[in-house]
């Protein structure tokens, strides 16, 4: 961790470039939206994610498995805490958006070591897989 503090400006710069590169690939793609940070914050782009629209959850899981089997390590958004059995007793208010979004959001490779050609490969493969399973 301490060695990365010395490189933090460069790492954050690379993370922003990765976000912008993903943004460019997904900007005109029907059914895919890059998850964007809130406008009033300065994101560190720790994690890049897309929202896949108009895809059944069963197909959504197939897309993730297919990408992982192709060597592209993606994962769904983590299972919402309020739906986990051991945490249900702590529910204090109605949560609705989380119930929808976790079935649509794919976390993308986001390492600051990613190169533009790798992001291109990831993006194109992802677009093709999503088109294949579109409802």
N, C-alpha and C. Protein backbone atom coordinates (compact mmCIF):
# COMPACT_ATOMS: atom_id res chain seq x y z
N UNK A 1 0.79 -1.19 0.00
CA UNK A 1 0.00 0.00 0.00
C UNK A 1 0.84 1.27 0.00
N UNK A 2 1.90 1.27 0.80
CA UNK A 2 2.73 2.49 0.89
C UNK A 2 3.41 2.80 -0.43
N UNK A 3 3.84 1.76 -1.14
CA UNK A 3 4.51 2.02 -2.43
C UNK A 3 3.51 2.58 -3.44
N UNK A 4 2.23 2.20 -3.32
CA UNK A 4 1.24 2.73 -4.25
C UNK A 4 0.89 4.19 -3.94
N UNK A 5 1.02 4.59 -2.69
CA UNK A 5 0.76 6.00 -2.33
C UNK A 5 1.69 6.91 -3.14
N UNK A 6 2.93 6.47 -3.31
CA UNK A 6 3.89 7.27 -4.07
C UNK A 6 3.50 7.38 -5.54
N UNK A 7 2.69 6.41 -6.03
CA UNK A 7 2.29 6.38 -7.43
C UNK A 7 0.82 6.77 -7.64
N UNK A 8 0.16 7.26 -6.59
CA UNK A 8 -1.29 7.45 -6.63
C UNK A 8 -1.76 8.37 -7.76
N UNK A 9 -1.06 9.44 -8.02
CA UNK A 9 -1.48 10.35 -9.09
C UNK A 9 -1.47 9.65 -10.45
N UNK A 10 -0.44 8.86 -10.69
CA UNK A 10 -0.33 8.13 -11.95
C UNK A 10 -1.40 7.04 -12.05
N UNK A 11 -1.65 6.35 -10.94
CA UNK A 11 -2.68 5.30 -10.92
C UNK A 11 -4.05 5.91 -11.20
N UNK A 12 -4.38 7.01 -10.55
CA UNK A 12 -5.67 7.66 -10.75
C UNK A 12 -5.82 8.18 -12.18
N UNK A 13 -4.74 8.66 -12.74
CA UNK A 13 -4.76 9.12 -14.13
C UNK A 13 -5.07 7.94 -15.06
N UNK A 14 -4.42 6.81 -14.83
CA UNK A 14 -4.67 5.61 -15.64
C UNK A 14 -6.11 5.12 -15.48
N UNK A 15 -6.63 5.17 -14.24
CA UNK A 15 -8.01 4.72 -13.98
C UNK A 15 -9.01 5.60 -14.73
N UNK A 16 -8.74 6.89 -14.80
CA UNK A 16 -9.63 7.80 -15.52
C UNK A 16 -9.57 7.51 -17.02
N UNK A 17 -8.41 7.20 -17.54
CA UNK A 17 -8.26 6.84 -18.96
C UNK A 17 -9.03 5.56 -19.26
N UNK A 18 -8.95 4.59 -18.37
CA UNK A 18 -9.68 3.33 -18.54
C UNK A 18 -11.18 3.60 -18.59
N UNK A 19 -11.68 4.41 -17.67
CA UNK A 19 -13.10 4.77 -17.66
C UNK A 19 -13.49 5.44 -18.98
N UNK A 20 -12.70 6.42 -19.42
CA UNK A 20 -13.02 7.14 -20.65
C UNK A 20 -12.98 6.22 -21.86
N UNK A 21 -12.07 5.24 -21.86
CA UNK A 21 -11.98 4.29 -22.97
C UNK A 21 -13.21 3.40 -23.01
N UNK A 22 -13.61 2.86 -21.86
CA UNK A 22 -14.85 2.09 -21.81
C UNK A 22 -16.04 2.96 -22.26
N UNK A 23 -16.07 4.18 -21.79
CA UNK A 23 -17.17 5.10 -22.13
C UNK A 23 -17.27 5.27 -23.64
N UNK A 24 -16.13 5.40 -24.30
CA UNK A 24 -16.11 5.56 -25.76
C UNK A 24 -16.66 4.32 -26.46
N UNK A 25 -16.29 3.12 -26.00
CA UNK A 25 -16.76 1.90 -26.64
C UNK A 25 -18.26 1.65 -26.44
N UNK A 26 -18.79 2.07 -25.31
CA UNK A 26 -20.19 1.77 -25.01
C UNK A 26 -21.15 2.92 -25.30
N UNK A 27 -20.66 4.05 -25.79
CA UNK A 27 -21.49 5.25 -25.91
C UNK A 27 -22.66 5.09 -26.87
N UNK A 28 -22.52 4.36 -27.93
CA UNK A 28 -23.60 4.23 -28.91
C UNK A 28 -24.15 2.81 -28.99
N UNK A 29 -23.97 2.05 -27.94
CA UNK A 29 -24.41 0.67 -27.94
C UNK A 29 -25.77 0.56 -27.25
N UNK A 30 -26.74 0.13 -28.03
CA UNK A 30 -28.08 -0.08 -27.48
C UNK A 30 -28.02 -1.19 -26.44
N UNK A 31 -28.69 -1.01 -25.34
CA UNK A 31 -28.80 -2.04 -24.31
C UNK A 31 -27.69 -2.03 -23.26
N UNK A 32 -26.66 -1.19 -23.46
CA UNK A 32 -25.55 -1.13 -22.51
C UNK A 32 -25.32 0.32 -22.09
N UNK A 33 -25.25 0.53 -20.77
CA UNK A 33 -24.92 1.86 -20.25
C UNK A 33 -23.76 1.72 -19.28
N UNK A 34 -22.74 2.51 -19.50
CA UNK A 34 -21.64 2.54 -18.55
C UNK A 34 -22.11 3.25 -17.30
N UNK A 35 -21.90 2.64 -16.17
CA UNK A 35 -22.30 3.23 -14.89
C UNK A 35 -21.39 4.42 -14.64
N UNK A 36 -22.00 5.61 -14.55
CA UNK A 36 -21.22 6.84 -14.42
C UNK A 36 -21.28 7.38 -13.00
N UNK A 37 -20.20 7.98 -12.55
CA UNK A 37 -20.21 8.56 -11.20
C UNK A 37 -21.12 9.77 -11.13
N UNK A 38 -21.53 10.07 -9.95
CA UNK A 38 -22.36 11.24 -9.68
C UNK A 38 -21.61 12.48 -10.16
N UNK A 39 -22.30 13.39 -10.82
CA UNK A 39 -21.67 14.56 -11.45
C UNK A 39 -20.91 15.46 -10.48
N UNK A 40 -21.35 15.54 -9.25
CA UNK A 40 -20.73 16.46 -8.30
C UNK A 40 -19.56 15.83 -7.52
N UNK A 41 -19.13 14.66 -7.93
CA UNK A 41 -18.00 14.04 -7.22
C UNK A 41 -16.84 13.83 -8.19
N UNK A 42 -15.69 13.64 -7.63
CA UNK A 42 -14.50 13.35 -8.42
C UNK A 42 -14.15 11.88 -8.17
N UNK A 43 -14.64 11.02 -9.03
CA UNK A 43 -14.48 9.58 -8.85
C UNK A 43 -13.04 9.15 -9.02
N UNK A 44 -12.65 8.12 -8.27
CA UNK A 44 -11.33 7.52 -8.47
C UNK A 44 -11.40 6.39 -9.48
N UNK A 45 -12.61 6.09 -9.98
CA UNK A 45 -12.85 5.04 -10.98
C UNK A 45 -12.26 3.71 -10.56
N UNK A 46 -12.38 3.42 -9.27
CA UNK A 46 -11.91 2.16 -8.70
C UNK A 46 -12.51 0.98 -9.44
N UNK A 47 -13.79 1.09 -9.77
CA UNK A 47 -14.51 0.00 -10.42
C UNK A 47 -15.33 0.56 -11.57
N UNK A 48 -15.22 -0.09 -12.71
CA UNK A 48 -16.04 0.27 -13.86
C UNK A 48 -17.10 -0.81 -14.02
N UNK A 49 -18.30 -0.38 -14.34
CA UNK A 49 -19.40 -1.33 -14.46
C UNK A 49 -20.37 -0.86 -15.54
N UNK A 50 -21.07 -1.84 -16.11
CA UNK A 50 -22.10 -1.52 -17.10
C UNK A 50 -23.44 -2.03 -16.61
N UNK A 51 -24.48 -1.36 -17.04
CA UNK A 51 -25.84 -1.81 -16.80
C UNK A 51 -26.34 -2.40 -18.12
N UNK A 52 -26.76 -3.65 -18.06
CA UNK A 52 -27.27 -4.35 -19.23
C UNK A 52 -28.79 -4.31 -19.17
N UNK A 53 -29.38 -3.69 -20.15
CA UNK A 53 -30.84 -3.55 -20.16
C UNK A 53 -31.46 -4.58 -21.09
N UNK A 54 -32.71 -4.88 -20.84
CA UNK A 54 -33.50 -5.76 -21.71
C UNK A 54 -32.90 -7.15 -21.87
N UNK A 55 -32.37 -7.68 -20.80
CA UNK A 55 -31.84 -9.05 -20.80
C UNK A 55 -32.40 -9.77 -19.59
N UNK A 56 -32.99 -10.95 -19.82
CA UNK A 56 -33.49 -11.75 -18.70
C UNK A 56 -32.34 -12.12 -17.78
N UNK A 57 -32.65 -12.28 -16.51
CA UNK A 57 -31.62 -12.59 -15.52
C UNK A 57 -30.91 -13.90 -15.84
N UNK A 58 -31.63 -14.89 -16.35
CA UNK A 58 -30.99 -16.16 -16.72
C UNK A 58 -29.96 -15.94 -17.83
N UNK A 59 -30.27 -15.08 -18.79
CA UNK A 59 -29.31 -14.75 -19.85
C UNK A 59 -28.17 -13.88 -19.33
N UNK A 60 -28.49 -13.01 -18.41
CA UNK A 60 -27.47 -12.17 -17.77
C UNK A 60 -26.38 -13.06 -17.14
N UNK A 61 -26.81 -14.10 -16.44
CA UNK A 61 -25.85 -15.03 -15.82
C UNK A 61 -25.06 -15.79 -16.88
N UNK A 62 -25.70 -16.12 -18.00
CA UNK A 62 -25.01 -16.80 -19.10
C UNK A 62 -23.92 -15.89 -19.69
N UNK A 63 -24.24 -14.61 -19.83
CA UNK A 63 -23.27 -13.65 -20.36
C UNK A 63 -22.03 -13.63 -19.47
N UNK A 64 -22.24 -13.54 -18.17
CA UNK A 64 -21.12 -13.50 -17.23
C UNK A 64 -20.30 -14.78 -17.30
N UNK A 65 -20.96 -15.92 -17.30
CA UNK A 65 -20.24 -17.21 -17.39
C UNK A 65 -19.48 -17.32 -18.70
N UNK A 66 -20.12 -16.90 -19.78
CA UNK A 66 -19.50 -16.97 -21.10
C UNK A 66 -18.25 -16.09 -21.17
N UNK A 67 -18.33 -14.89 -20.62
CA UNK A 67 -17.17 -13.99 -20.62
C UNK A 67 -16.04 -14.56 -19.77
N UNK A 68 -16.37 -15.08 -18.60
CA UNK A 68 -15.34 -15.68 -17.75
C UNK A 68 -14.69 -16.88 -18.42
N UNK A 69 -15.49 -17.70 -19.11
CA UNK A 69 -14.94 -18.85 -19.84
C UNK A 69 -14.08 -18.42 -21.03
N UNK A 70 -14.29 -17.18 -21.50
CA UNK A 70 -13.49 -16.63 -22.60
C UNK A 70 -12.24 -15.92 -22.11
N UNK A 71 -12.02 -15.94 -20.79
CA UNK A 71 -10.83 -15.32 -20.24
C UNK A 71 -11.00 -13.87 -19.82
N UNK A 72 -12.23 -13.36 -19.88
CA UNK A 72 -12.51 -11.99 -19.45
C UNK A 72 -13.15 -12.08 -18.07
N UNK A 73 -12.43 -11.65 -17.06
CA UNK A 73 -12.92 -11.77 -15.69
C UNK A 73 -13.87 -10.63 -15.35
N UNK A 74 -15.15 -10.97 -15.38
CA UNK A 74 -16.19 -10.03 -14.97
C UNK A 74 -16.97 -10.68 -13.84
N UNK A 75 -17.77 -9.90 -13.18
CA UNK A 75 -18.62 -10.46 -12.13
C UNK A 75 -19.86 -9.59 -12.01
N UNK A 76 -20.93 -10.19 -11.49
CA UNK A 76 -22.11 -9.36 -11.24
C UNK A 76 -21.86 -8.48 -10.03
N UNK A 77 -22.70 -7.50 -9.88
CA UNK A 77 -22.64 -6.69 -8.67
C UNK A 77 -22.89 -7.61 -7.48
N UNK A 78 -22.30 -7.30 -6.35
CA UNK A 78 -22.49 -8.15 -5.17
C UNK A 78 -23.96 -8.21 -4.79
N UNK A 79 -24.33 -9.33 -4.22
CA UNK A 79 -25.70 -9.58 -3.80
C UNK A 79 -26.06 -8.58 -2.70
N UNK A 80 -27.19 -7.87 -2.84
CA UNK A 80 -27.54 -6.83 -1.87
C UNK A 80 -27.61 -7.35 -0.43
N UNK A 81 -27.07 -6.59 0.47
CA UNK A 81 -27.03 -6.98 1.89
C UNK A 81 -28.42 -7.22 2.45
N UNK A 82 -29.37 -6.38 2.10
CA UNK A 82 -30.71 -6.51 2.69
C UNK A 82 -31.44 -7.78 2.23
N UNK A 83 -30.91 -8.47 1.21
CA UNK A 83 -31.51 -9.72 0.75
C UNK A 83 -30.80 -10.95 1.33
N UNK A 84 -29.67 -10.75 1.96
CA UNK A 84 -28.95 -11.87 2.56
C UNK A 84 -29.66 -12.30 3.84
N UNK A 85 -29.87 -13.60 3.95
CA UNK A 85 -30.68 -14.15 5.05
C UNK A 85 -30.23 -13.64 6.42
N UNK A 86 -28.95 -13.69 6.69
CA UNK A 86 -28.46 -13.33 8.02
C UNK A 86 -28.54 -11.82 8.31
N UNK A 87 -28.83 -11.01 7.28
CA UNK A 87 -28.91 -9.57 7.48
C UNK A 87 -30.34 -9.02 7.37
N UNK A 88 -31.30 -9.86 7.01
CA UNK A 88 -32.68 -9.39 6.81
C UNK A 88 -33.26 -8.73 8.06
N UNK A 89 -32.88 -9.17 9.21
CA UNK A 89 -33.44 -8.61 10.44
C UNK A 89 -33.03 -7.16 10.66
N UNK A 90 -32.02 -6.69 9.92
CA UNK A 90 -31.55 -5.32 10.07
C UNK A 90 -32.23 -4.34 9.10
N UNK A 91 -33.09 -4.86 8.23
CA UNK A 91 -33.78 -4.02 7.26
C UNK A 91 -34.65 -3.00 8.00
N UNK A 92 -34.44 -1.72 7.72
CA UNK A 92 -35.19 -0.67 8.39
C UNK A 92 -35.98 0.23 7.45
N UNK A 93 -35.73 0.13 6.17
CA UNK A 93 -36.48 0.93 5.21
C UNK A 93 -36.60 0.16 3.91
N UNK A 94 -37.48 0.63 3.06
CA UNK A 94 -37.73 -0.07 1.81
C UNK A 94 -36.62 0.24 0.79
N UNK A 95 -36.01 -0.79 0.29
CA UNK A 95 -34.95 -0.64 -0.71
C UNK A 95 -35.49 -1.26 -2.01
N UNK A 96 -35.58 -0.45 -3.05
CA UNK A 96 -36.14 -0.97 -4.30
C UNK A 96 -35.12 -1.00 -5.44
N UNK A 97 -34.35 0.03 -5.60
CA UNK A 97 -33.41 0.11 -6.73
C UNK A 97 -32.38 -1.03 -6.69
N UNK A 98 -31.89 -1.34 -5.51
CA UNK A 98 -30.89 -2.41 -5.37
C UNK A 98 -31.45 -3.75 -5.85
N UNK A 99 -32.75 -3.96 -5.63
CA UNK A 99 -33.38 -5.22 -6.04
C UNK A 99 -33.37 -5.38 -7.56
N UNK A 100 -33.39 -4.28 -8.27
CA UNK A 100 -33.38 -4.31 -9.73
C UNK A 100 -31.95 -4.31 -10.29
N UNK A 101 -31.12 -3.45 -9.75
CA UNK A 101 -29.81 -3.17 -10.36
C UNK A 101 -28.84 -4.34 -10.28
N UNK A 102 -28.89 -5.11 -9.20
CA UNK A 102 -27.90 -6.19 -9.09
C UNK A 102 -28.10 -7.27 -10.14
N UNK A 103 -29.27 -7.31 -10.74
CA UNK A 103 -29.55 -8.28 -11.80
C UNK A 103 -29.19 -7.76 -13.18
N UNK A 104 -28.61 -6.56 -13.24
CA UNK A 104 -28.31 -5.92 -14.52
C UNK A 104 -26.89 -5.38 -14.61
N UNK A 105 -26.17 -5.34 -13.52
CA UNK A 105 -24.89 -4.65 -13.48
C UNK A 105 -23.71 -5.63 -13.52
N UNK A 106 -22.81 -5.42 -14.46
CA UNK A 106 -21.61 -6.25 -14.61
C UNK A 106 -20.39 -5.40 -14.27
N UNK A 107 -19.60 -5.88 -13.33
CA UNK A 107 -18.34 -5.22 -12.96
C UNK A 107 -17.27 -5.63 -13.97
N UNK A 108 -16.64 -4.65 -14.56
CA UNK A 108 -15.66 -4.88 -15.63
C UNK A 108 -14.24 -4.92 -15.08
N UNK A 109 -13.32 -5.55 -15.82
CA UNK A 109 -11.91 -5.45 -15.43
C UNK A 109 -11.52 -3.98 -15.34
N UNK A 110 -10.86 -3.60 -14.25
CA UNK A 110 -10.58 -2.18 -14.01
C UNK A 110 -9.17 -1.93 -13.50
N UNK A 111 -8.29 -2.90 -13.60
CA UNK A 111 -6.92 -2.72 -13.11
C UNK A 111 -6.22 -1.59 -13.84
N UNK A 112 -5.42 -0.85 -13.10
CA UNK A 112 -4.69 0.25 -13.75
C UNK A 112 -3.62 -0.25 -14.70
N UNK A 113 -3.41 -1.58 -14.74
CA UNK A 113 -2.46 -2.17 -15.68
C UNK A 113 -3.07 -2.42 -17.05
N UNK A 114 -4.40 -2.27 -17.17
CA UNK A 114 -5.07 -2.52 -18.45
C UNK A 114 -4.56 -1.57 -19.53
N UNK A 115 -4.38 -2.12 -20.70
CA UNK A 115 -3.97 -1.34 -21.87
C UNK A 115 -5.20 -1.09 -22.74
N UNK A 116 -5.12 -0.08 -23.59
CA UNK A 116 -6.26 0.27 -24.45
C UNK A 116 -6.67 -0.89 -25.36
N UNK A 117 -5.71 -1.65 -25.88
CA UNK A 117 -6.07 -2.78 -26.75
C UNK A 117 -6.78 -3.87 -25.97
N UNK A 118 -6.46 -4.04 -24.68
CA UNK A 118 -7.16 -5.01 -23.84
C UNK A 118 -8.59 -4.55 -23.57
N UNK A 119 -8.76 -3.26 -23.33
CA UNK A 119 -10.10 -2.71 -23.10
C UNK A 119 -10.93 -2.86 -24.37
N UNK A 120 -10.32 -2.66 -25.52
CA UNK A 120 -11.02 -2.84 -26.79
C UNK A 120 -11.49 -4.28 -26.93
N UNK A 121 -10.62 -5.23 -26.64
CA UNK A 121 -10.96 -6.65 -26.73
C UNK A 121 -12.10 -6.99 -25.77
N UNK A 122 -12.00 -6.53 -24.54
CA UNK A 122 -13.03 -6.77 -23.52
C UNK A 122 -14.36 -6.20 -23.99
N UNK A 123 -14.33 -4.96 -24.44
CA UNK A 123 -15.55 -4.26 -24.85
C UNK A 123 -16.23 -4.95 -26.03
N UNK A 124 -15.46 -5.30 -27.05
CA UNK A 124 -16.04 -5.94 -28.24
C UNK A 124 -16.63 -7.30 -27.90
N UNK A 125 -15.93 -8.08 -27.10
CA UNK A 125 -16.43 -9.39 -26.71
C UNK A 125 -17.71 -9.24 -25.89
N UNK A 126 -17.71 -8.29 -24.98
CA UNK A 126 -18.87 -8.02 -24.14
C UNK A 126 -20.08 -7.60 -24.98
N UNK A 127 -19.86 -6.71 -25.91
CA UNK A 127 -20.94 -6.24 -26.79
C UNK A 127 -21.53 -7.41 -27.57
N UNK A 128 -20.66 -8.26 -28.12
CA UNK A 128 -21.13 -9.42 -28.90
C UNK A 128 -21.92 -10.40 -28.05
N UNK A 129 -21.47 -10.66 -26.85
CA UNK A 129 -22.17 -11.60 -25.95
C UNK A 129 -23.52 -11.05 -25.55
N UNK A 130 -23.58 -9.76 -25.28
CA UNK A 130 -24.86 -9.16 -24.87
C UNK A 130 -25.84 -9.14 -26.03
N UNK A 131 -25.36 -8.86 -27.24
CA UNK A 131 -26.25 -8.90 -28.41
C UNK A 131 -26.80 -10.30 -28.62
N UNK A 132 -25.98 -11.30 -28.36
CA UNK A 132 -26.40 -12.70 -28.54
C UNK A 132 -27.56 -13.05 -27.61
N UNK A 133 -27.54 -12.52 -26.39
CA UNK A 133 -28.55 -12.89 -25.40
C UNK A 133 -29.62 -11.83 -25.19
N UNK A 134 -29.68 -10.84 -26.04
CA UNK A 134 -30.69 -9.78 -25.91
C UNK A 134 -32.08 -10.39 -26.04
N UNK A 135 -32.99 -9.91 -25.20
CA UNK A 135 -34.38 -10.41 -25.23
C UNK A 135 -35.05 -10.07 -26.53
